[in-house]
Amino acid sequence: MESTIQEKITFSDWNPVKYINTKDDVIALLEAALEENDPDFLLSVFGDIARSKGMSKIANELNLDRKGLYRALAPDGNPSFKTVFKLIDLLGMKIRLEQKSA
């Protein structure tokens, strides 16, 4: 008779905030999110980045309250273009456009 060993495997939630440590991490994450061409995903990534930097600190520097920033960067959020540009500037970045490949 064969016996089998059953191992218990546990999983924990993956938190991207733990892995956003440098400006290069931020750039790589934003570039990957932009390639997905999904505005909700991009907002979620901005939220992850803001949490990695301290949501209260970022909100204060954007002249928003923390809850307002959470709402704006939620997948169903609808931040103003002005808020997104201010966040990009606060992260020390700028937007550059490229023509799509045919």
N, C-alpha and C. Protein backbone atom coordinates (compact mmCIF):
# COMPACT_ATOMS: atom_id res chain seq x y z
N MET A 1 0.84 -1.17 0.00
CA MET A 1 0.00 0.00 0.00
C MET A 1 0.89 1.25 0.00
N GLU A 2 0.58 2.17 -0.88
CA GLU A 2 1.34 3.41 -0.95
C GLU A 2 0.80 4.41 0.06
N SER A 3 1.71 5.12 0.66
CA SER A 3 1.26 6.19 1.56
C SER A 3 1.62 7.52 0.92
N THR A 4 0.82 8.50 1.16
CA THR A 4 1.09 9.83 0.63
C THR A 4 1.29 10.79 1.78
N ILE A 5 2.13 11.71 1.54
CA ILE A 5 2.38 12.76 2.53
C ILE A 5 1.70 14.01 2.04
N GLN A 6 0.89 14.56 2.86
CA GLN A 6 0.22 15.80 2.51
C GLN A 6 0.89 16.93 3.27
N GLU A 7 1.33 17.91 2.51
CA GLU A 7 1.93 19.07 3.13
C GLU A 7 0.92 20.20 3.12
N LYS A 8 0.94 20.92 4.18
CA LYS A 8 0.06 22.09 4.25
C LYS A 8 0.81 23.28 3.67
N ILE A 9 0.24 23.85 2.67
CA ILE A 9 0.83 25.02 2.03
C ILE A 9 -0.03 26.23 2.39
N THR A 10 0.61 27.24 2.87
CA THR A 10 -0.12 28.46 3.20
C THR A 10 0.35 29.59 2.31
N PHE A 11 -0.53 30.46 2.01
CA PHE A 11 -0.23 31.62 1.19
C PHE A 11 -0.58 32.87 1.98
N SER A 12 0.16 33.90 1.74
CA SER A 12 -0.17 35.18 2.36
C SER A 12 -0.40 36.20 1.24
N ASP A 13 -1.11 37.24 1.57
CA ASP A 13 -1.35 38.28 0.57
C ASP A 13 -0.01 38.91 0.19
N TRP A 14 0.15 39.14 -1.10
CA TRP A 14 1.35 39.79 -1.58
C TRP A 14 1.11 41.29 -1.52
N ASN A 15 2.01 42.00 -0.90
CA ASN A 15 1.86 43.44 -0.75
C ASN A 15 2.97 44.14 -1.53
N PRO A 16 2.65 44.73 -2.68
CA PRO A 16 3.68 45.36 -3.50
C PRO A 16 4.37 46.52 -2.80
N VAL A 17 3.70 47.12 -1.84
CA VAL A 17 4.26 48.28 -1.14
C VAL A 17 5.61 47.93 -0.50
N LYS A 18 5.76 46.69 -0.07
CA LYS A 18 7.01 46.25 0.57
C LYS A 18 8.19 46.26 -0.40
N TYR A 19 7.91 46.27 -1.69
CA TYR A 19 8.97 46.14 -2.69
C TYR A 19 9.23 47.42 -3.47
N ILE A 20 8.60 48.50 -3.07
CA ILE A 20 8.81 49.79 -3.73
C ILE A 20 9.74 50.60 -2.84
N ASN A 21 11.04 50.49 -3.12
CA ASN A 21 12.02 51.11 -2.24
C ASN A 21 12.83 52.22 -2.89
N THR A 22 12.95 52.20 -4.19
CA THR A 22 13.79 53.18 -4.87
C THR A 22 13.01 53.87 -5.99
N LYS A 23 13.59 54.95 -6.49
CA LYS A 23 12.97 55.64 -7.62
C LYS A 23 12.92 54.72 -8.84
N ASP A 24 13.94 53.87 -9.00
CA ASP A 24 13.92 52.90 -10.11
C ASP A 24 12.76 51.92 -9.97
N ASP A 25 12.45 51.52 -8.73
CA ASP A 25 11.29 50.64 -8.51
C ASP A 25 10.00 51.33 -8.94
N VAL A 26 9.88 52.61 -8.60
CA VAL A 26 8.69 53.39 -8.96
C VAL A 26 8.57 53.50 -10.47
N ILE A 27 9.67 53.82 -11.12
CA ILE A 27 9.66 53.97 -12.58
C ILE A 27 9.29 52.64 -13.25
N ALA A 28 9.91 51.57 -12.82
CA ALA A 28 9.63 50.26 -13.42
C ALA A 28 8.17 49.88 -13.23
N LEU A 29 7.64 50.12 -12.05
CA LEU A 29 6.25 49.78 -11.77
C LEU A 29 5.29 50.61 -12.61
N LEU A 30 5.55 51.91 -12.71
CA LEU A 30 4.68 52.78 -13.52
C LEU A 30 4.77 52.42 -15.01
N GLU A 31 5.97 52.14 -15.49
CA GLU A 31 6.11 51.76 -16.90
C GLU A 31 5.35 50.47 -17.20
N ALA A 32 5.44 49.50 -16.30
CA ALA A 32 4.71 48.24 -16.49
C ALA A 32 3.21 48.49 -16.46
N ALA A 33 2.77 49.34 -15.55
CA ALA A 33 1.33 49.64 -15.45
C ALA A 33 0.84 50.35 -16.70
N LEU A 34 1.62 51.27 -17.23
CA LEU A 34 1.22 51.98 -18.44
C LEU A 34 1.13 51.04 -19.64
N GLU A 35 1.99 50.05 -19.69
CA GLU A 35 1.95 49.07 -20.79
C GLU A 35 0.66 48.27 -20.78
N GLU A 36 0.04 48.13 -19.62
CA GLU A 36 -1.23 47.39 -19.53
C GLU A 36 -2.40 48.15 -20.14
N ASN A 37 -2.24 49.47 -20.28
CA ASN A 37 -3.28 50.32 -20.88
C ASN A 37 -4.61 50.18 -20.14
N ASP A 38 -4.54 50.13 -18.82
CA ASP A 38 -5.72 49.95 -17.97
C ASP A 38 -5.72 51.06 -16.91
N PRO A 39 -6.57 52.07 -17.07
CA PRO A 39 -6.58 53.19 -16.13
C PRO A 39 -6.81 52.78 -14.68
N ASP A 40 -7.67 51.80 -14.46
CA ASP A 40 -7.93 51.35 -13.08
C ASP A 40 -6.68 50.73 -12.45
N PHE A 41 -5.96 49.94 -13.24
CA PHE A 41 -4.73 49.33 -12.75
C PHE A 41 -3.68 50.41 -12.47
N LEU A 42 -3.59 51.40 -13.36
CA LEU A 42 -2.64 52.49 -13.16
C LEU A 42 -2.94 53.24 -11.86
N LEU A 43 -4.21 53.50 -11.60
CA LEU A 43 -4.57 54.17 -10.34
C LEU A 43 -4.20 53.33 -9.14
N SER A 44 -4.39 52.03 -9.25
CA SER A 44 -4.02 51.12 -8.17
C SER A 44 -2.50 51.17 -7.92
N VAL A 45 -1.73 51.23 -8.99
CA VAL A 45 -0.27 51.32 -8.86
C VAL A 45 0.12 52.65 -8.21
N PHE A 46 -0.52 53.74 -8.62
CA PHE A 46 -0.26 55.03 -7.96
C PHE A 46 -0.57 54.93 -6.47
N GLY A 47 -1.65 54.23 -6.14
CA GLY A 47 -2.00 54.03 -4.73
C GLY A 47 -0.93 53.24 -3.99
N ASP A 48 -0.41 52.18 -4.61
CA ASP A 48 0.66 51.40 -4.00
C ASP A 48 1.90 52.26 -3.77
N ILE A 49 2.23 53.07 -4.75
CA ILE A 49 3.40 53.94 -4.63
C ILE A 49 3.19 54.96 -3.51
N ALA A 50 2.00 55.56 -3.47
CA ALA A 50 1.71 56.54 -2.41
C ALA A 50 1.78 55.89 -1.03
N ARG A 51 1.26 54.68 -0.90
CA ARG A 51 1.34 53.98 0.40
C ARG A 51 2.79 53.68 0.77
N SER A 52 3.61 53.37 -0.23
CA SER A 52 5.01 53.07 0.06
C SER A 52 5.77 54.30 0.55
N LYS A 53 5.30 55.47 0.17
CA LYS A 53 5.93 56.73 0.58
C LYS A 53 5.30 57.32 1.82
N GLY A 54 4.15 56.77 2.21
CA GLY A 54 3.40 57.30 3.34
C GLY A 54 2.21 58.10 2.85
N MET A 55 1.03 57.50 2.92
CA MET A 55 -0.17 58.10 2.36
C MET A 55 -0.47 59.46 2.98
N SER A 56 -0.31 59.58 4.28
CA SER A 56 -0.59 60.87 4.94
C SER A 56 0.36 61.95 4.45
N LYS A 57 1.64 61.58 4.33
CA LYS A 57 2.65 62.54 3.87
C LYS A 57 2.35 62.99 2.45
N ILE A 58 2.04 62.03 1.57
CA ILE A 58 1.73 62.36 0.17
C ILE A 58 0.47 63.22 0.10
N ALA A 59 -0.55 62.83 0.83
CA ALA A 59 -1.80 63.60 0.83
C ALA A 59 -1.56 65.03 1.28
N ASN A 60 -0.79 65.19 2.33
CA ASN A 60 -0.49 66.53 2.85
C ASN A 60 0.24 67.37 1.79
N GLU A 61 1.20 66.76 1.11
CA GLU A 61 1.96 67.49 0.09
C GLU A 61 1.12 67.81 -1.14
N LEU A 62 0.05 67.06 -1.34
CA LEU A 62 -0.86 67.33 -2.46
C LEU A 62 -2.04 68.20 -2.04
N ASN A 63 -2.04 68.64 -0.78
CA ASN A 63 -3.14 69.43 -0.23
C ASN A 63 -4.47 68.69 -0.28
N LEU A 64 -4.42 67.40 0.02
CA LEU A 64 -5.62 66.56 0.11
C LEU A 64 -5.63 65.92 1.49
N ASP A 65 -6.81 65.46 1.92
CA ASP A 65 -6.81 64.65 3.14
C ASP A 65 -6.52 63.20 2.75
N ARG A 66 -6.10 62.42 3.72
CA ARG A 66 -5.69 61.04 3.45
C ARG A 66 -6.82 60.22 2.83
N LYS A 67 -8.03 60.37 3.38
CA LYS A 67 -9.17 59.62 2.83
C LYS A 67 -9.46 60.02 1.39
N GLY A 68 -9.34 61.31 1.11
CA GLY A 68 -9.56 61.79 -0.25
C GLY A 68 -8.55 61.21 -1.23
N LEU A 69 -7.31 61.10 -0.79
CA LEU A 69 -6.29 60.51 -1.65
C LEU A 69 -6.55 59.02 -1.87
N TYR A 70 -6.94 58.31 -0.80
CA TYR A 70 -7.29 56.90 -0.94
C TYR A 70 -8.42 56.74 -1.96
N ARG A 71 -9.46 57.58 -1.84
CA ARG A 71 -10.59 57.50 -2.77
C ARG A 71 -10.15 57.80 -4.21
N ALA A 72 -9.32 58.82 -4.37
CA ALA A 72 -8.89 59.22 -5.71
C ALA A 72 -8.07 58.13 -6.39
N LEU A 73 -7.26 57.40 -5.60
CA LEU A 73 -6.37 56.41 -6.19
C LEU A 73 -6.92 54.98 -6.14
N ALA A 74 -8.14 54.83 -5.70
CA ALA A 74 -8.78 53.52 -5.71
C ALA A 74 -9.08 53.13 -7.16
N PRO A 75 -9.18 51.83 -7.44
CA PRO A 75 -9.46 51.40 -8.82
C PRO A 75 -10.71 52.05 -9.43
N ASP A 76 -11.68 52.36 -8.61
CA ASP A 76 -12.88 53.03 -9.13
C ASP A 76 -12.83 54.54 -8.86
N GLY A 77 -11.67 55.03 -8.47
CA GLY A 77 -11.51 56.46 -8.20
C GLY A 77 -11.51 57.26 -9.49
N ASN A 78 -11.62 58.54 -9.34
CA ASN A 78 -11.64 59.41 -10.50
C ASN A 78 -10.87 60.69 -10.16
N PRO A 79 -9.53 60.57 -10.00
CA PRO A 79 -8.77 61.76 -9.62
C PRO A 79 -8.73 62.75 -10.78
N SER A 80 -8.59 64.00 -10.43
CA SER A 80 -8.45 65.00 -11.49
C SER A 80 -7.09 64.83 -12.14
N PHE A 81 -6.99 65.29 -13.35
CA PHE A 81 -5.72 65.25 -14.06
C PHE A 81 -4.68 66.06 -13.27
N LYS A 82 -5.16 67.14 -12.68
CA LYS A 82 -4.29 67.99 -11.87
C LYS A 82 -3.68 67.21 -10.70
N THR A 83 -4.48 66.39 -10.03
CA THR A 83 -3.98 65.58 -8.91
C THR A 83 -2.94 64.58 -9.40
N VAL A 84 -3.20 63.93 -10.52
CA VAL A 84 -2.26 62.96 -11.07
C VAL A 84 -0.95 63.65 -11.43
N PHE A 85 -1.02 64.81 -12.08
CA PHE A 85 0.19 65.53 -12.44
C PHE A 85 0.97 65.97 -11.20
N LYS A 86 0.25 66.42 -10.17
CA LYS A 86 0.92 66.82 -8.93
C LYS A 86 1.62 65.63 -8.29
N LEU A 87 0.98 64.46 -8.31
CA LEU A 87 1.58 63.26 -7.75
C LEU A 87 2.83 62.86 -8.53
N ILE A 88 2.74 62.90 -9.84
CA ILE A 88 3.89 62.57 -10.68
C ILE A 88 5.04 63.53 -10.39
N ASP A 89 4.74 64.80 -10.28
CA ASP A 89 5.77 65.80 -9.97
C ASP A 89 6.35 65.56 -8.58
N LEU A 90 5.51 65.27 -7.62
CA LEU A 90 5.95 65.00 -6.26
C LEU A 90 6.89 63.79 -6.21
N LEU A 91 6.66 62.81 -7.08
CA LEU A 91 7.53 61.64 -7.15
C LEU A 91 8.83 61.93 -7.89
N GLY A 92 8.98 63.18 -8.38
CA GLY A 92 10.20 63.57 -9.08
C GLY A 92 10.26 63.07 -10.50
N MET A 93 9.09 62.96 -11.13
CA MET A 93 9.03 62.42 -12.48
C MET A 93 8.26 63.36 -13.39
N LYS A 94 8.32 63.05 -14.68
CA LYS A 94 7.54 63.79 -15.67
C LYS A 94 7.00 62.79 -16.69
N ILE A 95 5.99 63.21 -17.39
CA ILE A 95 5.38 62.36 -18.42
C ILE A 95 6.03 62.67 -19.75
N ARG A 96 6.33 61.60 -20.48
CA ARG A 96 6.86 61.73 -21.83
C ARG A 96 6.02 60.85 -22.74
N LEU A 97 5.59 61.38 -23.84
CA LEU A 97 4.78 60.63 -24.79
C LEU A 97 5.62 60.13 -25.95
N GLU A 98 5.24 58.96 -26.44
CA GLU A 98 5.88 58.39 -27.62
C GLU A 98 4.80 57.99 -28.60
N GLN A 99 5.14 58.05 -29.85
CA GLN A 99 4.20 57.61 -30.88
C GLN A 99 4.12 56.09 -30.84
N LYS A 100 2.90 55.57 -31.00
CA LYS A 100 2.70 54.12 -31.03
C LYS A 100 3.37 53.53 -32.26
N SER A 101 3.83 52.30 -32.09
CA SER A 101 4.36 51.56 -33.25
C SER A 101 3.19 51.13 -34.10
N ALA A 102 3.40 51.11 -35.39
CA ALA A 102 2.32 50.73 -36.31
C ALA A 102 2.03 49.26 -36.27
